[in-house]
Amino acid sequence: MQEHDLWNHNNYAIPPGNLALLEECIRELMPWDLWVKRDNMLGYRFQDESEKGMTFFQGSEPAGLLAKSLDRLRKQHPDLEAALTGMERLSADHNDHNGFIVKSLEEWESRLAGFERAAREHPEWWLTVVSVLRPGDDAALTDRLYQAWLRIGLLGPVRNTFEMQCLNPMAASAA
């Protein structure tokens, strides 16, 4: 197969008041390298070669206004509440998310446990384990992957979920 585009970064516009809490959250949960820190932006590298993976979180007044407006309007409009609740309940794999893969099952289990613990200990981070699928689960689409969808509500009401994957070391197709 011919190689084509290489995804190298994601960018999130988030409510500006959430940046400091988000930095704390990521420091505890993700082994990412804080590469850029400005008053209105956090940038993380996943590897020494920044071209191979980065994510940026930028404080944005419109993102803050969107979050506040949706929160207010969903209380006033049942159809909007139903739509947003439906999106939140949508199968994690069918909802907007960005995925990353970790190196080992041990790392995957450890990071999932850390996320679950942080969700209990830090309600101000608005963390949710949306779904967890392990090979052999009835809902699992493949035996090749361990999958966990992790929502960080500090990112705002949409585009706030990551899928953490790990190749199943027992699957023949993982070799």
C-alpha atoms as a PDB file:
ATOM      1  CA  MET A   1       0.000   0.000   0.000  1.00  0.00           C
ATOM      2  CA  GLN A   2       1.272   3.443  -0.850  1.00  0.00           C
ATOM      3  CA  GLU A   3       1.767   5.707   2.162  1.00  0.00           C
ATOM      4  CA  HIS A   4      -0.297   8.842   2.141  1.00  0.00           C
ATOM      5  CA  ASP A   5      -1.067  11.501   4.697  1.00  0.00           C
ATOM      6  CA  LEU A   6       0.324  11.200   8.208  1.00  0.00           C
ATOM      7  CA  TRP A   7      -1.871  12.705  10.904  1.00  0.00           C
ATOM      8  CA  ASN A   8       0.429  14.803  13.019  1.00  0.00           C
ATOM      9  CA  HIS A   9      -1.727  16.887  15.346  1.00  0.00           C
ATOM     10  CA  ASN A  10      -5.130  17.643  16.793  1.00  0.00           C
ATOM     11  CA  ASN A  11      -6.297  21.037  17.957  1.00  0.00           C
ATOM     12  CA  TYR A  12      -9.075  21.755  20.450  1.00  0.00           C
ATOM     13  CA  ALA A  13     -10.719  25.109  21.109  1.00  0.00           C
ATOM     14  CA  ILE A  14     -11.788  24.944  24.758  1.00  0.00           C
ATOM     15  CA  PRO A  15     -13.352  27.311  27.288  1.00  0.00           C
ATOM     16  CA  PRO A  16     -10.421  29.514  28.371  1.00  0.00           C
ATOM     17  CA  GLY A  17     -11.219  29.137  32.067  1.00  0.00           C
ATOM     18  CA  ASN A  18     -10.537  25.398  31.799  1.00  0.00           C
ATOM     19  CA  LEU A  19      -6.883  25.535  30.709  1.00  0.00           C
ATOM     20  CA  ALA A  20      -5.293  25.428  34.180  1.00  0.00           C
ATOM     21  CA  LEU A  21      -7.453  22.498  35.321  1.00  0.00           C
ATOM     22  CA  LEU A  22      -6.823  20.734  32.022  1.00  0.00           C
ATOM     23  CA  GLU A  23      -3.070  21.073  32.512  1.00  0.00           C
ATOM     24  CA  GLU A  24      -3.387  19.438  35.966  1.00  0.00           C
ATOM     25  CA  CYS A  25      -5.584  16.689  34.533  1.00  0.00           C
ATOM     26  CA  ILE A  26      -3.233  15.857  31.679  1.00  0.00           C
ATOM     27  CA  ARG A  27      -0.184  15.992  33.950  1.00  0.00           C
ATOM     28  CA  GLU A  28      -1.745  13.280  36.123  1.00  0.00           C
ATOM     29  CA  LEU A  29      -3.295  11.100  33.409  1.00  0.00           C
ATOM     30  CA  MET A  30      -1.202  11.308  30.266  1.00  0.00           C
ATOM     31  CA  PRO A  31       2.554  10.778  29.820  1.00  0.00           C
ATOM     32  CA  TRP A  32       2.623  13.528  27.209  1.00  0.00           C
ATOM     33  CA  ASP A  33       5.442  16.064  26.998  1.00  0.00           C
ATOM     34  CA  LEU A  34       4.245  19.635  27.639  1.00  0.00           C
ATOM     35  CA  TRP A  35       6.015  21.246  24.732  1.00  0.00           C
ATOM     36  CA  VAL A  36       4.300  24.628  24.416  1.00  0.00           C
ATOM     37  CA  LYS A  37       2.741  26.594  27.246  1.00  0.00           C
ATOM     38  CA  ARG A  38       1.300  30.040  26.695  1.00  0.00           C
ATOM     39  CA  ASP A  39      -1.408  32.018  28.443  1.00  0.00           C
ATOM     40  CA  ASN A  40      -4.012  30.678  26.020  1.00  0.00           C
ATOM     41  CA  MET A  41      -2.492  27.412  24.779  1.00  0.00           C
ATOM     42  CA  LEU A  42      -1.111  24.070  25.903  1.00  0.00           C
ATOM     43  CA  GLY A  43       0.751  21.944  23.367  1.00  0.00           C
ATOM     44  CA  TYR A  44       1.824  18.351  23.993  1.00  0.00           C
ATOM     45  CA  ARG A  45       4.153  16.040  22.066  1.00  0.00           C
ATOM     46  CA  PHE A  46       3.741  12.289  22.052  1.00  0.00           C
ATOM     47  CA  GLN A  47       7.253  11.528  20.769  1.00  0.00           C
ATOM     48  CA  ASP A  48      10.583  13.298  20.384  1.00  0.00           C
ATOM     49  CA  GLU A  49       9.758  13.863  16.725  1.00  0.00           C
ATOM     50  CA  SER A  50       6.955  16.385  17.014  1.00  0.00           C
ATOM     51  CA  GLU A  51       5.855  15.693  13.453  1.00  0.00           C
ATOM     52  CA  LYS A  52       4.694  12.244  14.619  1.00  0.00           C
ATOM     53  CA  GLY A  53       2.063  13.379  17.051  1.00  0.00           C
ATOM     54  CA  MET A  54       0.978  16.456  18.951  1.00  0.00           C
ATOM     55  CA  THR A  55      -2.187  17.876  20.427  1.00  0.00           C
ATOM     56  CA  PHE A  56      -2.974  21.467  21.242  1.00  0.00           C
ATOM     57  CA  PHE A  57      -5.599  22.927  23.557  1.00  0.00           C
ATOM     58  CA  GLN A  58      -6.334  26.597  22.987  1.00  0.00           C
ATOM     59  CA  GLY A  59      -8.485  28.777  25.168  1.00  0.00           C
ATOM     60  CA  SER A  60     -11.187  30.327  23.037  1.00  0.00           C
ATOM     61  CA  GLU A  61     -13.906  32.763  24.117  1.00  0.00           C
ATOM     62  CA  PRO A  62     -16.298  31.376  21.464  1.00  0.00           C
ATOM     63  CA  ALA A  63     -15.743  27.853  22.857  1.00  0.00           C
ATOM     64  CA  GLY A  64     -16.590  29.133  26.328  1.00  0.00           C
ATOM     65  CA  LEU A  65     -19.672  30.914  25.005  1.00  0.00           C
ATOM     66  CA  LEU A  66     -20.753  27.745  23.179  1.00  0.00           C
ATOM     67  CA  ALA A  67     -20.430  25.669  26.357  1.00  0.00           C
ATOM     68  CA  LYS A  68     -22.395  28.197  28.450  1.00  0.00           C
ATOM     69  CA  SER A  69     -25.040  28.658  25.761  1.00  0.00           C
ATOM     70  CA  LEU A  70     -25.581  24.931  25.260  1.00  0.00           C
ATOM     71  CA  ASP A  71     -25.840  24.415  29.014  1.00  0.00           C
ATOM     72  CA  ARG A  72     -28.454  27.183  29.300  1.00  0.00           C
ATOM     73  CA  LEU A  73     -30.392  26.310  26.141  1.00  0.00           C
ATOM     74  CA  ARG A  74     -30.594  22.578  26.767  1.00  0.00           C
ATOM     75  CA  LYS A  75     -32.550  23.388  29.957  1.00  0.00           C
ATOM     76  CA  GLN A  76     -34.992  25.537  27.959  1.00  0.00           C
ATOM     77  CA  HIS A  77     -35.409  23.390  24.835  1.00  0.00           C
ATOM     78  CA  PRO A  78     -36.352  19.719  25.258  1.00  0.00           C
ATOM     79  CA  ASP A  79     -35.407  18.941  21.649  1.00  0.00           C
ATOM     80  CA  LEU A  80     -31.880  20.287  22.148  1.00  0.00           C
ATOM     81  CA  GLU A  81     -31.616  18.407  25.447  1.00  0.00           C
ATOM     82  CA  ALA A  82     -32.736  15.207  23.695  1.00  0.00           C
ATOM     83  CA  ALA A  83     -30.226  15.720  20.866  1.00  0.00           C
ATOM     84  CA  LEU A  84     -27.292  16.394  23.184  1.00  0.00           C
ATOM     85  CA  THR A  85     -28.236  13.576  25.549  1.00  0.00           C
ATOM     86  CA  GLY A  86     -28.548  11.299  22.523  1.00  0.00           C
ATOM     87  CA  MET A  87     -25.058  12.264  21.382  1.00  0.00           C
ATOM     88  CA  GLU A  88     -23.689  11.630  24.890  1.00  0.00           C
ATOM     89  CA  ARG A  89     -25.333   8.183  24.940  1.00  0.00           C
ATOM     90  CA  LEU A  90     -24.382   7.294  21.379  1.00  0.00           C
ATOM     91  CA  SER A  91     -22.108   4.306  21.076  1.00  0.00           C
ATOM     92  CA  ALA A  92     -18.642   5.593  21.891  1.00  0.00           C
ATOM     93  CA  ASP A  93     -17.227   4.281  18.634  1.00  0.00           C
ATOM     94  CA  HIS A  94     -19.869   6.190  16.654  1.00  0.00           C
ATOM     95  CA  ASN A  95     -19.371   9.496  18.434  1.00  0.00           C
ATOM     96  CA  ASP A  96     -16.650  12.054  17.706  1.00  0.00           C
ATOM     97  CA  HIS A  97     -13.358  11.008  19.268  1.00  0.00           C
ATOM     98  CA  ASN A  98      -9.636  10.875  18.621  1.00  0.00           C
ATOM     99  CA  GLY A  99      -7.758   7.653  19.182  1.00  0.00           C
ATOM    100  CA  PHE A 100      -4.294   6.758  20.370  1.00  0.00           C
ATOM    101  CA  ILE A 101      -2.632   3.424  20.959  1.00  0.00           C
ATOM    102  CA  VAL A 102      -0.435   2.487  23.918  1.00  0.00           C
ATOM    103  CA  LYS A 103       2.479   0.048  23.881  1.00  0.00           C
ATOM    104  CA  SER A 104       1.284  -2.702  26.212  1.00  0.00           C
ATOM    105  CA  LEU A 105      -1.749  -4.200  27.884  1.00  0.00           C
ATOM    106  CA  GLU A 106      -0.203  -3.389  31.265  1.00  0.00           C
ATOM    107  CA  GLU A 107       0.040   0.294  30.314  1.00  0.00           C
ATOM    108  CA  TRP A 108      -3.537   0.265  28.980  1.00  0.00           C
ATOM    109  CA  GLU A 109      -4.895  -1.281  32.210  1.00  0.00           C
ATOM    110  CA  SER A 110      -2.830   1.072  34.383  1.00  0.00           C
ATOM    111  CA  ARG A 111      -3.916   4.191  32.521  1.00  0.00           C
ATOM    112  CA  LEU A 112      -7.563   3.096  32.527  1.00  0.00           C
ATOM    113  CA  ALA A 113      -7.389   2.498  36.295  1.00  0.00           C
ATOM    114  CA  GLY A 114      -5.764   5.915  36.740  1.00  0.00           C
ATOM    115  CA  PHE A 115      -8.517   7.573  34.736  1.00  0.00           C
ATOM    116  CA  GLU A 116     -11.214   5.813  36.781  1.00  0.00           C
ATOM    117  CA  ARG A 117      -9.499   6.853  40.021  1.00  0.00           C
ATOM    118  CA  ALA A 118      -9.126  10.464  38.853  1.00  0.00           C
ATOM    119  CA  ALA A 119     -12.817  10.556  37.870  1.00  0.00           C
ATOM    120  CA  ARG A 120     -13.676   9.755  41.504  1.00  0.00           C
ATOM    121  CA  GLU A 121     -11.032  11.962  43.126  1.00  0.00           C
ATOM    122  CA  HIS A 122     -11.258  15.002  40.811  1.00  0.00           C
ATOM    123  CA  PRO A 123     -14.890  15.760  39.933  1.00  0.00           C
ATOM    124  CA  GLU A 124     -13.762  19.225  38.798  1.00  0.00           C
ATOM    125  CA  TRP A 125     -12.108  17.570  35.765  1.00  0.00           C
ATOM    126  CA  TRP A 126     -15.475  16.176  34.530  1.00  0.00           C
ATOM    127  CA  LEU A 127     -13.999  12.793  33.602  1.00  0.00           C
ATOM    128  CA  THR A 128     -16.106   9.896  32.356  1.00  0.00           C
ATOM    129  CA  VAL A 129     -15.154   6.421  31.257  1.00  0.00           C
ATOM    130  CA  VAL A 130     -17.673   6.209  28.416  1.00  0.00           C
ATOM    131  CA  SER A 131     -17.084   2.610  27.403  1.00  0.00           C
ATOM    132  CA  VAL A 132     -14.549  -0.195  27.793  1.00  0.00           C
ATOM    133  CA  LEU A 133     -14.290  -3.112  25.370  1.00  0.00           C
ATOM    134  CA  ARG A 134     -11.961  -6.039  25.793  1.00  0.00           C
ATOM    135  CA  PRO A 135     -11.429  -8.880  23.323  1.00  0.00           C
ATOM    136  CA  GLY A 136     -14.177 -11.430  23.847  1.00  0.00           C
ATOM    137  CA  ASP A 137     -16.777  -8.907  25.048  1.00  0.00           C
ATOM    138  CA  ASP A 138     -20.078  -9.300  23.213  1.00  0.00           C
ATOM    139  CA  ALA A 139     -19.929  -5.702  21.953  1.00  0.00           C
ATOM    140  CA  ALA A 140     -16.264  -5.880  20.856  1.00  0.00           C
ATOM    141  CA  LEU A 141     -15.903  -5.328  17.120  1.00  0.00           C
ATOM    142  CA  THR A 142     -12.557  -7.113  16.939  1.00  0.00           C
ATOM    143  CA  ASP A 143     -10.384  -9.462  18.955  1.00  0.00           C
ATOM    144  CA  ARG A 144      -7.337  -7.383  18.007  1.00  0.00           C
ATOM    145  CA  LEU A 145      -7.910  -4.436  20.354  1.00  0.00           C
ATOM    146  CA  TYR A 146      -8.518  -3.393  23.895  1.00  0.00           C
ATOM    147  CA  GLN A 147     -10.483  -0.128  23.717  1.00  0.00           C
ATOM    148  CA  ALA A 148     -11.470   2.496  26.297  1.00  0.00           C
ATOM    149  CA  TRP A 149     -13.259   5.742  25.498  1.00  0.00           C
ATOM    150  CA  LEU A 150     -12.292   8.458  27.958  1.00  0.00           C
ATOM    151  CA  ARG A 151     -14.188  11.752  28.124  1.00  0.00           C
ATOM    152  CA  ILE A 152     -12.565  14.897  29.490  1.00  0.00           C
ATOM    153  CA  GLY A 153     -15.436  17.326  30.038  1.00  0.00           C
ATOM    154  CA  LEU A 154     -13.039  20.249  30.518  1.00  0.00           C
ATOM    155  CA  LEU A 155     -12.660  20.259  26.732  1.00  0.00           C
ATOM    156  CA  GLY A 156     -16.267  21.414  26.397  1.00  0.00           C
ATOM    157  CA  PRO A 157     -19.580  19.812  25.433  1.00  0.00           C
ATOM    158  CA  VAL A 158     -18.396  18.255  22.139  1.00  0.00           C
ATOM    159  CA  ARG A 159     -15.182  16.698  20.745  1.00  0.00           C
ATOM    160  CA  ASN A 160     -14.152  15.773  24.268  1.00  0.00           C
ATOM    161  CA  THR A 161     -13.449  12.043  24.024  1.00  0.00           C
ATOM    162  CA  PHE A 162     -10.311   9.993  23.409  1.00  0.00           C
ATOM    163  CA  GLU A 163     -10.187   6.327  22.493  1.00  0.00           C
ATOM    164  CA  MET A 164      -7.242   4.579  24.124  1.00  0.00           C
ATOM    165  CA  GLN A 165      -6.352   1.350  22.344  1.00  0.00           C
ATOM    166  CA  CYS A 166      -3.942  -1.494  22.930  1.00  0.00           C
ATOM    167  CA  LEU A 167      -3.191  -4.376  20.595  1.00  0.00           C
ATOM    168  CA  ASN A 168      -4.295  -7.680  22.078  1.00  0.00           C
ATOM    169  CA  PRO A 169      -1.053  -9.593  22.710  1.00  0.00           C
ATOM    170  CA  MET A 170      -2.977 -12.894  22.429  1.00  0.00           C
ATOM    171  CA  ALA A 171      -4.515 -12.184  19.012  1.00  0.00           C
ATOM    172  CA  ALA A 172      -2.768 -13.745  16.027  1.00  0.00           C
ATOM    173  CA  SER A 173      -3.509 -10.605  14.018  1.00  0.00           C
ATOM    174  CA  ALA A 174      -1.600  -8.459  16.533  1.00  0.00           C
ATOM    175  CA  ALA A 175       1.715 -10.088  15.642  1.00  0.00           C
END
